[in-house]
Amino acid sequence: MIHSFLLIGQSNAAGRGFYDEAEELDTCGDKLKVLRNGRWQTMYRPVNPDRPFSGTCLAESFAKAYSDSHPGVEVGIIPCADGGTSLEQWQPGGLLFNNAVNCTKLAMRTSHLVGVIWHQGEGDCSPERYPLYQEHFTVIMNELRKHIEMPNLPILIGGLGDFLLNCTLDEDLKNYHHINRSLRKIAEEYPNCAYVSADGLGANPDNLHFNAAALKEFGIRYFNAYQKFESYNLNYYNKPNEKDDNRTKMELL
């Protein structure tokens, strides 16, 4: 059985690492997979082809680390991230949300969904948006879990890079620390959610996207964060009628 992960968010989830700066992709003997047209194929780059200039992404090293720690298990990535998107564009009922749900349900026919990999926030750094980040994020994840009938599904959320302070493309990006504060608070309060720090990670020359080396490290950090969920019974996640003790807490956020 393939253990699958939904990859969603904006460009730093999709990945913009330069190929000539990245190590050769290790598919662990074809055990790393990516969903293409409803079928699992051996992973290849770009894993998340949202743009013509998509590059390496953090899901590559995450999947390898997961595979290395789970001998005999294949690992599948469901790529649904889209660059330049805000939480407003990810709201339930929108195209991005519906696409992620549909792709996930399709993947679940041939895999065991065990987590969500989320990285997003650059699109919500404006003074009008960052105060509402936690509220909007909670709505999205509550509805995602509801639509796929997995109320206890682990969710990994990554911090924004400190290099955004030096990005000249958008002055609002200097507010990134407000997003990171919200992400940390979400991880503390939202059930089965973990925050992954981006401290010390490097950027491409645009000071907007993580570079290839940073994405490799970031993916490993995501995996290390995911390990806190390993004590859960993975079969539990696919019991749609199972009552989640944290459901009330989720709805109150």
Protein backbone atom coordinates (compact mmCIF):
# COMPACT_ATOMS: atom_id res chain seq x y z
CA MET A 1 0.00 0.00 0.00
CA ILE A 2 1.14 3.50 -0.80
CA HIS A 3 1.20 6.02 2.04
CA SER A 4 0.20 9.33 0.48
CA PHE A 5 0.49 13.01 1.40
CA LEU A 6 -1.44 15.95 0.01
CA LEU A 7 0.89 18.83 -0.95
CA ILE A 8 -0.86 22.21 -0.91
CA GLY A 9 -0.10 25.90 -0.52
CA GLN A 10 1.64 28.38 -2.77
CA SER A 11 4.98 28.59 -4.59
CA ASN A 12 7.26 27.51 -1.73
CA ALA A 13 5.16 24.37 -1.40
CA ALA A 14 5.22 23.77 -5.14
CA GLY A 15 8.98 24.40 -5.09
CA ARG A 16 11.25 26.79 -6.93
CA GLY A 17 14.63 25.19 -6.24
CA PHE A 18 17.04 25.41 -9.19
CA TYR A 19 17.83 22.03 -10.74
CA ASP A 20 21.51 22.82 -11.24
CA GLU A 21 21.83 23.44 -7.48
CA ALA A 22 20.02 20.26 -6.45
CA GLU A 23 21.24 16.74 -5.90
CA GLU A 24 20.02 14.05 -8.26
CA LEU A 25 16.52 12.91 -7.35
CA ASP A 26 16.60 9.64 -5.40
CA THR A 27 13.36 7.71 -5.92
CA CYS A 28 14.43 5.01 -3.42
CA GLY A 29 14.26 2.28 -6.01
CA ASP A 30 11.02 3.61 -7.50
CA LYS A 31 9.31 3.64 -4.08
CA LEU A 32 8.64 7.39 -4.30
CA LYS A 33 5.54 8.20 -6.33
CA VAL A 34 3.67 11.23 -7.62
CA LEU A 35 0.03 11.34 -8.71
CA ARG A 36 -0.38 12.11 -12.40
CA ASN A 37 -3.75 11.89 -14.18
CA GLY A 38 -5.14 9.77 -11.38
CA ARG A 39 -2.32 7.20 -11.51
CA TRP A 40 0.81 6.76 -9.43
CA GLN A 41 4.03 7.22 -11.35
CA THR A 42 7.62 7.05 -10.19
CA MET A 43 8.48 10.50 -8.83
CA TYR A 44 10.11 12.92 -11.24
CA ARG A 45 10.71 16.65 -11.36
CA PRO A 46 8.95 18.91 -11.15
CA VAL A 47 6.85 17.10 -8.56
CA ASN A 48 4.37 20.00 -8.52
CA PRO A 49 4.28 21.49 -12.05
CA ASP A 50 2.15 24.54 -11.31
CA ARG A 51 4.28 26.86 -13.48
CA PRO A 52 6.73 26.48 -16.40
CA PHE A 53 9.52 27.46 -13.98
CA SER A 54 8.61 24.99 -11.21
CA GLY A 55 11.68 23.46 -9.60
CA THR A 56 12.68 21.14 -6.81
CA CYS A 57 10.41 21.02 -3.78
CA LEU A 58 10.48 20.04 -0.12
CA ALA A 59 8.24 17.02 -0.76
CA GLU A 60 11.16 15.23 -2.40
CA SER A 61 13.34 14.97 0.72
CA PHE A 62 10.26 14.52 2.91
CA ALA A 63 9.16 11.49 0.89
CA LYS A 64 12.68 10.02 0.93
CA ALA A 65 12.98 10.43 4.70
CA TYR A 66 9.59 8.81 5.18
CA SER A 67 10.52 5.94 2.87
CA ASP A 68 13.85 5.39 4.63
CA SER A 69 12.05 5.07 7.96
CA HIS A 70 9.30 2.79 6.60
CA PRO A 71 10.98 -0.11 4.78
CA GLY A 72 8.76 -1.71 2.20
CA VAL A 73 6.35 1.22 2.06
CA GLU A 74 5.83 3.28 -1.08
CA VAL A 75 5.31 7.01 -0.59
CA GLY A 76 3.04 9.07 -2.81
CA ILE A 77 2.77 12.85 -3.18
CA ILE A 78 -0.50 14.43 -4.34
CA PRO A 79 0.68 17.75 -5.86
CA CYS A 80 -1.95 20.50 -5.63
CA ALA A 81 0.06 23.60 -4.63
CA ASP A 82 -0.31 26.74 -6.73
CA GLY A 83 2.09 29.67 -6.73
CA GLY A 84 1.06 33.18 -5.74
CA THR A 85 -2.17 32.15 -4.05
CA SER A 86 -3.78 33.57 -0.92
CA LEU A 87 -5.97 31.90 1.69
CA GLU A 88 -8.96 33.56 0.07
CA GLN A 89 -8.26 31.53 -3.07
CA TRP A 90 -8.04 28.33 -0.99
CA GLN A 91 -11.42 28.77 0.68
CA PRO A 92 -13.88 25.84 0.51
CA GLY A 93 -15.92 25.85 -2.68
CA GLY A 94 -13.16 27.53 -4.67
CA LEU A 95 -11.32 25.94 -7.56
CA LEU A 96 -8.08 25.24 -5.64
CA PHE A 97 -9.90 23.67 -2.70
CA ASN A 98 -12.13 21.54 -4.90
CA ASN A 99 -9.19 20.39 -6.99
CA ALA A 100 -7.27 19.34 -3.87
CA VAL A 101 -10.27 17.43 -2.52
CA ASN A 102 -10.96 15.72 -5.83
CA CYS A 103 -7.32 14.71 -6.35
CA THR A 104 -7.09 13.47 -2.78
CA LYS A 105 -10.23 11.35 -3.06
CA LEU A 106 -8.92 9.88 -6.29
CA ALA A 107 -5.57 9.11 -4.67
CA MET A 108 -7.30 7.48 -1.70
CA ARG A 109 -8.70 4.81 -4.00
CA THR A 110 -5.19 3.42 -4.42
CA SER A 111 -3.34 4.72 -1.36
CA HIS A 112 -3.57 5.31 2.37
CA LEU A 113 -3.69 9.08 3.03
CA VAL A 114 -1.59 9.83 6.11
CA GLY A 115 -0.99 13.58 6.11
CA VAL A 116 -1.12 17.05 4.61
CA ILE A 117 1.98 19.11 3.77
CA TRP A 118 1.11 22.82 3.78
CA HIS A 119 3.26 25.85 3.07
CA GLN A 120 1.62 29.19 2.39
CA GLY A 121 1.49 32.69 3.79
CA GLU A 122 3.45 35.02 1.55
CA GLY A 123 0.18 35.87 -0.19
CA ASP A 124 -1.40 36.96 3.09
CA CYS A 125 1.23 39.33 4.48
CA SER A 126 -0.75 42.51 3.86
CA PRO A 127 -2.10 44.39 6.93
CA GLU A 128 -5.62 43.56 5.78
CA ARG A 129 -4.99 39.81 5.59
CA TYR A 130 -2.50 38.64 8.21
CA PRO A 131 -4.79 39.36 11.22
CA LEU A 132 -7.33 36.91 9.74
CA TYR A 133 -4.88 34.14 8.90
CA GLN A 134 -5.72 31.75 11.73
CA GLU A 135 -9.45 32.16 11.24
CA HIS A 136 -9.32 31.53 7.49
CA PHE A 137 -6.84 28.67 7.77
CA THR A 138 -9.01 26.89 10.32
CA VAL A 139 -12.03 27.05 8.04
CA ILE A 140 -10.04 25.54 5.17
CA MET A 141 -8.60 22.66 7.18
CA ASN A 142 -11.86 21.87 8.97
CA GLU A 143 -13.63 21.61 5.63
CA LEU A 144 -10.79 19.63 4.05
CA ARG A 145 -10.92 17.04 6.82
CA LYS A 146 -14.71 16.98 6.57
CA HIS A 147 -14.78 16.50 2.80
CA ILE A 148 -12.35 13.57 2.88
CA GLU A 149 -13.94 12.18 6.09
CA MET A 150 -10.71 12.11 8.07
CA PRO A 151 -11.17 14.40 11.11
CA ASN A 152 -7.90 13.33 12.71
CA LEU A 153 -5.65 13.69 9.65
CA PRO A 154 -2.20 15.12 10.57
CA ILE A 155 -1.37 18.51 9.07
CA LEU A 156 2.14 19.95 8.80
CA ILE A 157 2.52 23.72 8.40
CA GLY A 158 5.84 25.42 7.64
CA GLY A 159 7.09 28.85 8.59
CA LEU A 160 8.02 31.61 6.19
CA GLY A 161 11.70 32.39 5.61
CA ASP A 162 13.47 35.29 7.33
CA PHE A 163 14.94 36.24 3.95
CA LEU A 164 11.58 37.86 3.11
CA LEU A 165 12.88 40.91 4.96
CA ASN A 166 15.25 41.45 2.03
CA CYS A 167 12.71 40.86 -0.72
CA THR A 168 12.04 44.00 -2.75
CA LEU A 169 9.16 42.58 -4.79
CA ASP A 170 6.47 43.41 -2.24
CA GLU A 171 6.76 45.61 0.85
CA ASP A 172 4.03 43.62 2.58
CA LEU A 173 6.35 40.62 2.80
CA LYS A 174 8.13 42.35 5.68
CA ASN A 175 5.08 41.42 7.75
CA TYR A 176 5.93 37.73 7.41
CA HIS A 177 6.61 37.41 11.16
CA HIS A 178 2.90 37.97 11.81
CA ILE A 179 2.12 34.95 9.63
CA ASN A 180 4.72 32.87 11.45
CA ARG A 181 3.21 33.88 14.77
CA SER A 182 -0.20 32.74 13.53
CA LEU A 183 1.21 29.46 12.21
CA ARG A 184 2.82 28.69 15.56
CA LYS A 185 -0.42 29.47 17.37
CA ILE A 186 -2.38 27.28 14.99
CA ALA A 187 -0.02 24.36 15.65
CA GLU A 188 -0.44 24.84 19.40
CA GLU A 189 -4.24 24.98 19.29
CA TYR A 190 -5.34 23.00 16.26
CA PRO A 191 -5.64 19.21 16.73
CA ASN A 192 -3.04 17.00 15.05
CA CYS A 193 -1.11 19.91 13.59
CA ALA A 194 2.62 20.60 13.77
CA TYR A 195 4.67 23.70 12.98
CA VAL A 196 7.92 23.37 11.02
CA SER A 197 10.47 26.15 11.50
CA ALA A 198 12.22 27.74 8.52
CA ASP A 199 14.88 29.38 10.71
CA GLY A 200 18.26 29.66 8.98
CA LEU A 201 17.13 28.41 5.59
CA GLY A 202 18.48 30.13 2.49
CA ALA A 203 16.81 31.68 -0.52
CA ASN A 204 17.13 32.07 -4.26
CA PRO A 205 18.41 35.48 -5.43
CA ASP A 206 14.82 36.78 -5.38
CA ASN A 207 14.68 36.46 -1.56
CA LEU A 208 11.19 35.09 -2.03
CA HIS A 209 11.70 31.39 -2.62
CA PHE A 210 13.72 28.80 -0.73
CA ASN A 211 16.75 27.56 -2.63
CA ALA A 212 17.36 23.91 -3.48
CA ALA A 213 19.52 23.18 -0.43
CA ALA A 214 17.01 24.86 1.87
CA LEU A 215 14.13 22.86 0.39
CA LYS A 216 15.99 19.63 0.99
CA GLU A 217 16.55 20.58 4.64
CA PHE A 218 13.00 21.88 4.98
CA GLY A 219 11.57 18.57 3.78
CA ILE A 220 13.60 16.72 6.41
CA ARG A 221 12.31 19.12 9.06
CA TYR A 222 8.77 18.43 7.90
CA PHE A 223 9.41 14.70 8.29
CA ASN A 224 10.89 15.17 11.76
CA ALA A 225 7.77 17.11 12.74
CA TYR A 226 5.57 14.38 11.31
CA GLN A 227 7.17 11.78 13.56
CA LYS A 228 5.16 13.09 16.52
CA PHE A 229 2.13 11.51 14.84
CA GLU A 230 3.72 8.11 14.32
CA SER A 231 2.33 6.79 17.60
CA TYR A 232 -1.19 7.06 16.19
CA ASN A 233 -2.77 4.04 14.55
CA LEU A 234 -2.66 4.90 10.84
CA ASN A 235 -5.76 2.79 10.22
CA TYR A 236 -7.72 5.18 12.42
CA TYR A 237 -7.44 7.96 9.89
CA ASN A 238 -9.57 6.11 7.36
CA LYS A 239 -12.56 5.47 9.67
CA PRO A 240 -15.08 8.05 8.46
CA ASN A 241 -17.61 7.28 11.18
CA GLU A 242 -15.11 7.45 14.02
CA LYS A 243 -15.82 10.29 16.47
CA ASP A 244 -12.89 12.60 16.99
CA ASP A 245 -12.51 13.79 20.56
CA ASN A 246 -10.99 16.98 19.22
CA ARG A 247 -13.89 17.84 16.89
CA THR A 248 -15.45 20.29 19.34
CA LYS A 249 -12.10 21.99 19.84
CA MET A 250 -11.66 22.27 16.07
CA GLU A 251 -15.03 23.90 15.62
CA LEU A 252 -14.34 26.46 18.33
CA LEU A 253 -11.12 27.74 16.76
